Amino acid sequence: MSDENNNSTRAKVSYLTRPRRAIHELSEYTLCPLVGLNLSDTHLRIAMADCGETELSIGMQRHGWAIAASKQADHPFSVWLSEYLDQQHADLIIRFEPLRKTDALRDYWFSCHRGGETAGAWWALITHPHSSDNLLTEIAGELHLLGHTTARERIASKHTQDNAQRAVHSLGKRVLQLQREAQAATERHSQEQHLLLQRLIAAQRQVMHLCEENPQPSQNALSEQIALARAEIEELRRERTVLEQQLIIEQERQQTKALQAPSSSRCVLYVGDGDQSTCPLQDWIAQRKGALLRCGPSDRDIAQHIARADVVVYDSDSSSLHKQTIDLCNTGGKPVLLLNQPFSERHAALLDRLSAI
């Protein structure tokens, strides 16, 4: 009876103290994800250089070299990698140690995997003395499929990023084109206004000249000449008014085009003194997950605010510093939306102009 108890105790002690598997005893299908999960390409290059291996230039070749070196018990890389992983994942090795059953090992590995501890959990599992070959084959297959899925997601993400960069580049070129068109339209209308003003001044001088040459003309002749001159002046004024309205329409059209670039995080800067006119704008931008900045036209940091913004909304009734703000926006390539209507109509006009963003 005593001998049976001793034998049972020895068997139990042998079961509990079974040594962990050494790295060179592991199969290649377990070492493949082990190297991939625990060593970046840069880290692997450094480790290989320390072992005197510097000729492999292809990543897959370096990966295969690491697996082959790990299979050699006395290879410097195998010794270093085993010690390195034991230090990095000491806590997980201790947590895995009490587990004995295959189901318990599988469940705990998946729990660690879902918690973001895949690399350490894999090292603890494949070196655990009670991990069966079937269990390791099953989980190695899961990791292999996960690698394919991750690669596909990485490729898709890169494709999406490239498309976004091309869209941003195209949008930037379009904004610059619209700004040049707006500047050309402004210069053209300014020249036309200048010509009209010269004609108006010439007509006024003609009236004065007629009055000086004919100090006492006949009442009918003088009245006729004055009426003609006034009619021409009035016609010139109407033409000037039409051109000014066309200029305003052209500026608003160019500003609306500049605001038609799609963005889910557009930053809008309101330059003005009042808070009430920004309330509808703030609600409108919040619905689109954008951002609203505010500053006064005399704010010392207005240039920095303009640099941060995608669009500038300027309340032209709020300050006399209109030209300074417009110059800063033009220098930074920022589209400007001008508010030049009575206060009672600003809310609706502002939201109508921004509805195309």
Protein backbone atom coordinates (compact mmCIF):
# COMPACT_ATOMS: atom_id res chain seq x y z
CA MET A 1 0.00 0.00 0.00
CA SER A 2 2.83 2.32 0.87
CA ASP A 3 4.61 1.58 -2.42
CA GLU A 4 1.43 2.32 -4.37
CA ASN A 5 1.08 5.70 -2.65
CA ASN A 6 4.71 6.58 -3.42
CA ASN A 7 4.30 5.61 -7.06
CA SER A 8 1.16 7.71 -7.31
CA THR A 9 2.93 10.70 -5.74
CA ARG A 10 5.91 10.40 -8.11
CA ALA A 11 3.61 10.18 -11.10
CA LYS A 12 1.77 13.26 -9.95
CA VAL A 13 4.96 15.20 -9.36
CA SER A 14 6.28 14.19 -12.81
CA TYR A 15 3.03 15.36 -14.40
CA LEU A 16 3.19 18.78 -12.73
CA THR A 17 6.85 19.39 -13.44
CA ARG A 18 6.94 18.34 -17.07
CA PRO A 19 9.29 20.80 -18.80
CA ARG A 20 8.12 23.29 -21.42
CA ARG A 21 8.97 22.60 -25.02
CA ALA A 22 12.20 24.15 -26.31
CA ILE A 23 12.02 26.37 -29.38
CA HIS A 24 14.08 23.99 -31.52
CA GLU A 25 11.56 21.21 -30.77
CA LEU A 26 8.68 23.16 -32.32
CA SER A 27 7.39 22.43 -35.82
CA GLU A 28 7.76 24.90 -38.67
CA TYR A 29 4.01 25.56 -38.91
CA THR A 30 4.09 26.87 -35.31
CA LEU A 31 7.33 28.84 -35.77
CA CYS A 32 6.00 30.65 -38.86
CA PRO A 33 3.31 32.67 -37.01
CA LEU A 34 5.61 32.95 -33.97
CA VAL A 35 8.22 34.91 -35.96
CA GLY A 36 5.59 36.97 -37.79
CA LEU A 37 3.71 37.93 -34.63
CA ASN A 38 6.71 38.78 -32.42
CA LEU A 39 9.35 40.29 -34.72
CA SER A 40 8.95 43.25 -37.04
CA ASP A 41 11.12 43.26 -40.15
CA THR A 42 13.37 45.92 -38.61
CA HIS A 43 13.76 43.92 -35.39
CA LEU A 44 14.51 40.79 -37.40
CA ARG A 45 17.17 42.58 -39.46
CA ILE A 46 18.94 43.71 -36.28
CA ALA A 47 18.85 40.21 -34.78
CA MET A 48 20.18 38.69 -38.01
CA ALA A 49 22.99 41.25 -38.19
CA ASP A 50 23.98 40.33 -34.62
CA CYS A 51 24.25 36.73 -35.84
CA GLY A 52 26.38 37.78 -38.82
CA GLU A 53 23.66 37.37 -41.47
CA THR A 54 23.31 40.52 -43.64
CA GLU A 55 23.01 39.25 -47.22
CA LEU A 56 19.28 38.44 -47.40
CA SER A 57 17.43 41.38 -48.94
CA ILE A 58 13.93 39.93 -49.42
CA GLY A 59 11.52 39.83 -46.49
CA MET A 60 10.33 36.29 -47.21
CA GLN A 61 13.94 35.08 -47.27
CA ARG A 62 14.58 36.64 -43.87
CA HIS A 63 11.41 35.05 -42.51
CA GLY A 64 12.49 31.61 -43.76
CA TRP A 65 15.99 32.09 -42.34
CA ALA A 66 14.54 32.88 -38.89
CA ILE A 67 12.41 29.71 -38.90
CA ALA A 68 15.35 27.53 -39.98
CA ALA A 69 17.68 29.09 -37.40
CA SER A 70 15.08 28.58 -34.64
CA LYS A 71 15.06 24.85 -35.38
CA GLN A 72 18.78 24.61 -34.46
CA ALA A 73 19.29 24.18 -30.72
CA ASP A 74 22.77 25.74 -30.64
CA HIS A 75 22.17 28.54 -33.13
CA PRO A 76 22.70 32.04 -31.58
CA PHE A 77 19.42 33.26 -33.04
CA SER A 78 17.47 30.33 -31.57
CA VAL A 79 18.99 30.93 -28.12
CA TRP A 80 18.36 34.67 -28.29
CA LEU A 81 14.77 34.37 -29.57
CA SER A 82 13.80 31.88 -26.85
CA GLU A 83 15.20 34.09 -24.07
CA TYR A 84 13.68 37.21 -25.62
CA LEU A 85 10.18 35.70 -25.83
CA ASP A 86 10.38 34.30 -22.28
CA GLN A 87 11.16 37.79 -20.99
CA GLN A 88 8.54 39.54 -23.12
CA HIS A 89 5.71 37.12 -22.25
CA ALA A 90 6.63 35.93 -18.77
CA ASP A 91 3.23 36.90 -17.36
CA LEU A 92 1.30 34.93 -19.99
CA ILE A 93 3.53 31.86 -19.52
CA ILE A 94 2.68 31.89 -15.81
CA ARG A 95 -1.04 32.33 -16.56
CA PHE A 96 -1.04 29.37 -18.97
CA GLU A 97 0.97 27.10 -16.63
CA PRO A 98 -1.91 25.75 -14.44
CA LEU A 99 -3.94 24.66 -17.48
CA ARG A 100 -3.88 20.95 -18.36
CA LYS A 101 -6.91 20.10 -20.51
CA THR A 102 -7.01 20.78 -24.25
CA ASP A 103 -10.37 22.57 -24.04
CA ALA A 104 -9.07 24.81 -21.25
CA LEU A 105 -5.95 25.68 -23.25
CA ARG A 106 -8.01 26.41 -26.38
CA ASP A 107 -10.55 28.59 -24.55
CA TYR A 108 -7.90 30.56 -22.72
CA TRP A 109 -5.88 31.13 -25.90
CA PHE A 110 -8.91 32.51 -27.74
CA SER A 111 -9.68 34.70 -24.72
CA CYS A 112 -6.16 36.16 -24.85
CA HIS A 113 -6.41 36.49 -28.64
CA ARG A 114 -9.60 38.53 -28.37
CA GLY A 115 -7.93 40.68 -25.69
CA GLY A 116 -5.05 41.64 -27.99
CA GLU A 117 -2.45 39.27 -26.51
CA THR A 118 -2.11 36.99 -29.54
CA ALA A 119 1.70 37.07 -29.83
CA GLY A 120 2.41 36.20 -26.19
CA ALA A 121 -0.43 33.70 -25.92
CA TRP A 122 0.89 31.81 -28.96
CA TRP A 123 4.38 31.51 -27.43
CA ALA A 124 2.93 30.31 -24.13
CA LEU A 125 0.67 27.79 -25.89
CA ILE A 126 3.19 26.21 -28.28
CA THR A 127 5.75 25.73 -25.49
CA HIS A 128 3.18 24.44 -22.99
CA PRO A 129 3.90 20.75 -22.18
CA HIS A 130 0.22 19.78 -22.46
CA SER A 131 -0.59 21.42 -25.82
CA SER A 132 -1.49 18.65 -28.25
CA ASP A 133 -0.41 18.64 -31.89
CA ASN A 134 -4.05 18.72 -32.99
CA LEU A 135 -4.68 21.84 -30.92
CA LEU A 136 -1.61 23.60 -32.31
CA THR A 137 -2.54 22.63 -35.86
CA GLU A 138 -6.07 24.00 -35.36
CA ILE A 139 -4.95 27.36 -33.97
CA ALA A 140 -2.06 27.70 -36.44
CA GLY A 141 -4.67 27.39 -39.21
CA GLU A 142 -6.73 30.16 -37.60
CA LEU A 143 -3.65 32.40 -37.50
CA HIS A 144 -2.86 31.60 -41.13
CA LEU A 145 -6.37 32.64 -42.24
CA LEU A 146 -6.16 35.72 -40.03
CA GLY A 147 -2.96 36.71 -41.83
CA HIS A 148 -4.73 36.51 -45.19
CA THR A 149 -7.66 38.58 -43.89
CA THR A 150 -5.34 41.20 -42.43
CA ALA A 151 -3.43 41.43 -45.70
CA ARG A 152 -6.65 41.96 -47.66
CA GLU A 153 -7.79 44.64 -45.24
CA ARG A 154 -4.38 46.33 -45.45
CA ILE A 155 -4.54 46.35 -49.26
CA ALA A 156 -8.11 47.69 -49.23
CA SER A 157 -7.14 50.39 -46.72
CA LYS A 158 -4.16 51.40 -48.87
CA HIS A 159 -6.41 51.58 -51.94
CA THR A 160 -8.92 53.76 -50.08
CA GLN A 161 -6.14 56.01 -48.81
CA ASP A 162 -4.69 56.42 -52.30
CA ASN A 163 -8.13 57.33 -53.69
CA ALA A 164 -8.63 59.87 -50.91
CA GLN A 165 -5.24 61.46 -51.60
CA ARG A 166 -6.02 61.71 -55.31
CA ALA A 167 -9.40 63.27 -54.50
CA VAL A 168 -7.79 65.82 -52.17
CA HIS A 169 -5.20 66.69 -54.83
CA SER A 170 -7.91 67.11 -57.47
CA LEU A 171 -10.01 69.19 -55.10
CA GLY A 172 -7.05 71.46 -54.34
CA LYS A 173 -6.47 72.05 -58.05
CA ARG A 174 -10.17 72.82 -58.55
CA VAL A 175 -10.19 75.33 -55.67
CA LEU A 176 -7.14 77.11 -57.11
CA GLN A 177 -8.83 77.24 -60.52
CA LEU A 178 -12.00 78.73 -59.00
CA GLN A 179 -9.95 81.31 -57.13
CA ARG A 180 -8.18 82.34 -60.34
CA GLU A 181 -11.53 82.59 -62.15
CA ALA A 182 -12.98 84.71 -59.34
CA GLN A 183 -9.94 86.99 -59.38
CA ALA A 184 -10.14 87.38 -63.16
CA ALA A 185 -13.89 88.19 -62.96
CA THR A 186 -13.24 90.77 -60.23
CA GLU A 187 -10.51 92.44 -62.26
CA ARG A 188 -12.69 92.47 -65.38
CA HIS A 189 -15.64 94.06 -63.57
CA SER A 190 -13.31 96.56 -61.91
CA GLN A 191 -12.02 97.66 -65.31
CA GLU A 192 -15.57 98.01 -66.63
CA GLN A 193 -16.56 100.06 -63.60
CA HIS A 194 -13.52 102.28 -64.13
CA LEU A 195 -14.50 102.92 -67.76
CA LEU A 196 -18.06 103.75 -66.74
CA LEU A 197 -16.80 106.14 -64.10
CA GLN A 198 -14.64 107.89 -66.69
CA ARG A 199 -17.62 108.23 -69.03
CA LEU A 200 -19.71 109.61 -66.16
CA ILE A 201 -17.04 112.17 -65.28
CA ALA A 202 -16.72 113.14 -68.97
CA ALA A 203 -20.49 113.67 -69.20
CA GLN A 204 -20.50 115.85 -66.08
CA ARG A 205 -17.61 117.89 -67.50
CA GLN A 206 -19.52 118.29 -70.77
CA VAL A 207 -22.51 119.71 -68.89
CA MET A 208 -20.24 122.14 -67.04
CA HIS A 209 -18.54 123.10 -70.31
CA LEU A 210 -21.86 123.79 -72.00
CA CYS A 211 -22.92 125.94 -69.10
CA GLU A 212 -19.67 127.90 -69.28
CA GLU A 213 -19.85 128.38 -73.10
CA ASN A 214 -23.50 129.45 -73.04
CA PRO A 215 -23.97 131.56 -69.93
CA GLN A 216 -27.29 132.90 -71.27
CA PRO A 217 -28.60 130.41 -73.85
CA SER A 218 -32.18 130.16 -74.77
CA GLN A 219 -34.26 128.47 -72.11
CA ASN A 220 -35.42 125.71 -74.44
CA ALA A 221 -31.98 124.90 -75.86
CA LEU A 222 -30.38 124.85 -72.42
CA SER A 223 -33.14 122.68 -70.99
CA GLU A 224 -32.79 120.27 -73.89
CA GLN A 225 -29.03 119.98 -73.48
CA ILE A 226 -29.30 119.50 -69.73
CA ALA A 227 -32.01 116.88 -70.18
CA LEU A 228 -29.86 114.97 -72.67
CA ALA A 229 -26.85 115.13 -70.38
CA ARG A 230 -28.90 114.01 -67.38
CA ALA A 231 -30.38 111.15 -69.41
CA GLU A 232 -26.89 109.99 -70.38
CA ILE A 233 -25.72 110.27 -66.78
CA GLU A 234 -28.73 108.29 -65.59
CA GLU A 235 -28.09 105.63 -68.24
CA LEU A 236 -24.47 105.36 -67.15
CA ARG A 237 -25.54 105.03 -63.53
CA ARG A 238 -27.95 102.23 -64.46
CA GLU A 239 -25.20 100.44 -66.35
CA ARG A 240 -22.92 100.84 -63.36
CA THR A 241 -25.58 99.41 -61.03
CA VAL A 242 -26.10 96.42 -63.36
CA LEU A 243 -22.38 95.74 -63.47
CA GLU A 244 -22.11 95.98 -59.68
CA GLN A 245 -24.96 93.49 -59.31
CA GLN A 246 -23.32 91.17 -61.83
CA LEU A 247 -20.07 91.39 -59.88
CA ILE A 248 -21.85 90.45 -56.64
CA ILE A 249 -23.59 87.52 -58.38
CA GLU A 250 -20.29 86.35 -59.89
CA GLN A 251 -18.52 86.54 -56.52
CA GLU A 252 -21.31 84.59 -54.82
CA ARG A 253 -21.24 81.99 -57.61
CA GLN A 254 -17.49 81.50 -57.26
CA GLN A 255 -17.79 81.35 -53.46
CA THR A 256 -20.56 78.75 -53.74
CA LYS A 257 -18.42 76.63 -56.08
CA ALA A 258 -15.51 76.82 -53.65
CA LEU A 259 -17.81 75.60 -50.89
CA GLN A 260 -19.04 72.56 -52.86
CA ALA A 261 -16.12 70.29 -51.87
CA PRO A 262 -17.47 67.35 -49.78
CA SER A 263 -16.07 67.08 -46.26
CA SER A 264 -17.38 65.47 -43.10
CA SER A 265 -15.02 67.46 -40.88
CA ARG A 266 -14.96 70.97 -42.46
CA CYS A 267 -13.72 73.74 -40.17
CA VAL A 268 -15.57 77.07 -40.60
CA LEU A 269 -14.24 80.38 -39.17
CA TYR A 270 -16.78 83.11 -38.39
CA VAL A 271 -15.18 86.58 -38.33
CA GLY A 272 -17.49 89.08 -36.70
CA ASP A 273 -18.60 90.68 -33.43
CA GLY A 274 -22.02 89.11 -32.96
CA ASP A 275 -22.86 85.66 -31.54
CA GLN A 276 -26.51 85.42 -32.64
CA SER A 277 -25.74 85.10 -36.36
CA THR A 278 -23.44 82.13 -35.69
CA CYS A 279 -26.05 80.04 -33.84
CA PRO A 280 -27.71 78.56 -36.98
CA LEU A 281 -24.27 78.08 -38.51
CA GLN A 282 -23.06 76.23 -35.41
CA ASP A 283 -26.11 73.93 -35.39
CA TRP A 284 -25.75 73.28 -39.12
CA ILE A 285 -22.04 72.36 -38.82
CA ALA A 286 -22.63 70.20 -35.72
CA GLN A 287 -25.09 68.04 -37.69
CA ARG A 288 -22.26 67.37 -40.17
CA LYS A 289 -19.63 66.71 -37.49
CA GLY A 290 -17.67 69.81 -38.45
CA ALA A 291 -16.07 72.53 -36.34
CA LEU A 292 -16.86 76.23 -35.89
CA LEU A 293 -14.23 78.79 -34.91
CA ARG A 294 -15.00 82.40 -33.92
CA CYS A 295 -12.86 85.52 -33.78
CA GLY A 296 -13.20 89.25 -34.12
CA PRO A 297 -11.83 91.08 -37.19
CA SER A 298 -9.33 92.92 -34.94
CA ASP A 299 -8.18 89.75 -33.15
CA ARG A 300 -4.37 89.56 -33.10
CA ASP A 301 -4.51 85.81 -33.87
CA ILE A 302 -6.87 86.13 -36.84
CA ALA A 303 -4.16 84.94 -39.27
CA GLN A 304 -3.68 81.72 -37.26
CA HIS A 305 -7.45 81.14 -37.13
CA ILE A 306 -7.71 81.60 -40.91
CA ALA A 307 -4.85 79.14 -41.44
CA ARG A 308 -6.74 76.48 -39.42
CA ALA A 309 -10.07 77.00 -41.20
CA ASP A 310 -11.31 75.49 -44.46
CA VAL A 311 -13.89 78.24 -45.07
CA VAL A 312 -14.12 81.81 -43.68
CA VAL A 313 -17.49 83.49 -43.09
CA TYR A 314 -17.01 87.27 -42.79
CA ASP A 315 -19.71 89.51 -41.33
CA SER A 316 -19.10 92.65 -43.38
CA ASP A 317 -21.24 94.82 -41.07
CA SER A 318 -19.21 93.93 -38.00
CA SER A 319 -16.01 95.91 -38.69
CA SER A 320 -14.16 98.25 -41.02
CA LEU A 321 -11.28 95.76 -41.32
CA HIS A 322 -12.89 94.04 -44.33
CA LYS A 323 -9.93 94.39 -46.73
CA GLN A 324 -7.36 93.11 -44.22
CA THR A 325 -9.36 89.93 -43.60
CA ILE A 326 -9.99 89.32 -47.32
CA ASP A 327 -6.25 89.76 -48.06
CA LEU A 328 -5.35 87.20 -45.37
CA CYS A 329 -7.85 84.72 -46.85
CA ASN A 330 -6.55 85.23 -50.39
CA THR A 331 -2.95 84.79 -49.20
CA GLY A 332 -3.85 81.51 -47.46
CA GLY A 333 -6.01 80.29 -50.37
CA LYS A 334 -9.16 80.17 -48.18
CA PRO A 335 -12.63 80.68 -49.72
CA VAL A 336 -14.60 83.55 -48.12
CA LEU A 337 -18.36 83.87 -47.71
CA LEU A 338 -19.43 87.50 -47.24
CA LEU A 339 -22.53 88.52 -45.26
CA ASN A 340 -23.77 91.82 -46.68
CA GLN A 341 -27.52 91.59 -46.01
CA PRO A 342 -29.66 93.03 -43.23
CA PHE A 343 -29.40 91.25 -39.93
CA SER A 344 -32.93 89.83 -40.11
CA GLU A 345 -32.08 87.86 -43.27
CA ARG A 346 -28.62 86.58 -42.32
CA HIS A 347 -29.70 83.28 -40.78
CA ALA A 348 -31.55 82.02 -43.84
CA ALA A 349 -29.02 83.42 -46.34
CA LEU A 350 -26.07 81.88 -44.50
CA LEU A 351 -27.61 78.41 -44.34
CA ASP A 352 -28.72 78.64 -48.01
CA ARG A 353 -25.20 79.48 -49.15
CA LEU A 354 -23.63 76.71 -47.09
CA SER A 355 -26.20 74.03 -48.04
CA ALA A 356 -23.98 72.85 -50.90
CA ILE A 357 -21.04 71.89 -48.61
